[in-house]
C-alpha cells in the first residue's frame, strides 16, 4: 500500500513537471518555481478559510427569511 502511494505521488509529480514544463529548468530554478506555487496555494487556502466563512454566513442571512416577531399584547 505504501509502495503504491509512493509510486502514485512520483507519477503525479512527474505529470506536474511535464504539464508545467519545469523539467527543463535547473534544480535551483525548479525549487524556486515550486516554492512560488506552494506559496500561492497556501495563500489561496488561507483566504478561503478566513473569508469564505464570513461570506457564507452573510449569504445565509440574506437568503433565509427573516424571523417573524409577534408582539404580545397585555
Protein backbone atom coordinates (compact mmCIF):
# COMPACT_ATOMS: atom_id res chain seq x y z
CA UNK A 1 0.00 0.00 0.00
CA UNK A 2 2.75 2.45 0.96
CA UNK A 3 4.76 1.48 -2.12
CA UNK A 4 1.72 2.14 -4.34
CA UNK A 5 1.19 5.56 -2.73
CA UNK A 6 4.84 6.47 -3.24
CA UNK A 7 4.69 5.44 -6.90
CA UNK A 8 1.44 7.36 -7.40
CA UNK A 9 2.88 10.56 -5.87
CA UNK A 10 6.01 10.21 -8.01
CA UNK A 11 3.80 9.81 -11.09
CA UNK A 12 1.71 12.88 -10.17
CA UNK A 13 4.83 14.98 -9.62
CA UNK A 14 6.25 13.77 -12.95
CA UNK A 15 2.97 14.70 -14.63
CA UNK A 16 3.10 18.15 -12.94
CA UNK A 17 6.63 18.64 -14.26
CA UNK A 18 5.58 17.75 -17.80
CA UNK A 19 2.47 19.91 -17.80
CA UNK A 20 4.24 22.99 -16.41
CA UNK A 21 7.45 22.32 -18.40
CA UNK A 22 9.63 22.81 -15.32
CA UNK A 23 11.59 19.67 -16.14
CA UNK A 24 13.70 21.85 -18.46
CA UNK A 25 14.95 24.10 -15.67
CA UNK A 26 17.91 23.59 -13.40
CA UNK A 27 17.26 22.15 -9.92
CA UNK A 28 17.52 25.52 -8.13
CA UNK A 29 15.05 27.05 -10.61
CA UNK A 30 12.63 24.17 -10.06
CA UNK A 31 12.81 24.68 -6.30
CA UNK A 32 12.16 28.40 -6.73
CA UNK A 33 9.17 27.84 -9.02
CA UNK A 34 7.75 25.11 -6.78
CA UNK A 35 8.16 27.41 -3.78
CA UNK A 36 6.19 30.16 -5.52
CA UNK A 37 3.46 27.68 -6.49
CA UNK A 38 3.24 26.35 -2.93
CA UNK A 39 3.12 29.91 -1.54
CA UNK A 40 0.25 30.81 -3.88
CA UNK A 41 -1.67 27.67 -2.94
CA UNK A 42 -1.14 28.34 0.78
CA UNK A 43 -2.36 31.93 0.41
CA UNK A 44 -5.38 30.70 -1.54
CA UNK A 45 -6.36 28.20 1.15
CA UNK A 46 -5.76 30.78 3.89
CA UNK A 47 -8.01 33.32 2.18
CA UNK A 48 -10.67 30.66 1.64
CA UNK A 49 -10.52 29.76 5.32
CA UNK A 50 -10.69 33.36 6.52
CA UNK A 51 -13.14 34.96 4.11
CA UNK A 52 -15.42 32.19 2.88
CA UNK A 53 -16.97 31.61 6.28
CA UNK A 54 -17.93 35.29 6.58
CA UNK A 55 -19.35 35.41 3.06
CA UNK A 56 -21.26 32.18 3.58
CA UNK A 57 -22.77 33.46 6.81
CA UNK A 58 -23.79 36.70 5.11
CA UNK A 59 -25.31 34.78 2.20
CA UNK A 60 -27.28 32.51 4.53
CA UNK A 61 -28.66 35.52 6.43
CA UNK A 62 -29.54 37.20 3.14
CA UNK A 63 -31.31 34.18 1.65
CA UNK A 64 -33.10 32.91 4.74
CA UNK A 65 -36.41 34.51 5.60
CA UNK A 66 -36.42 36.96 8.44
CA UNK A 67 -37.91 35.59 11.65
CA UNK A 68 -41.41 36.75 12.35
CA UNK A 69 -41.58 38.73 15.59
CA UNK A 70 -45.02 38.76 17.16
CA UNK A 71 -45.86 41.28 19.78
CA UNK A 72 -47.66 40.10 22.87
CA UNK A 73 -50.44 42.44 23.97
CA UNK A 74 -51.24 42.51 27.64
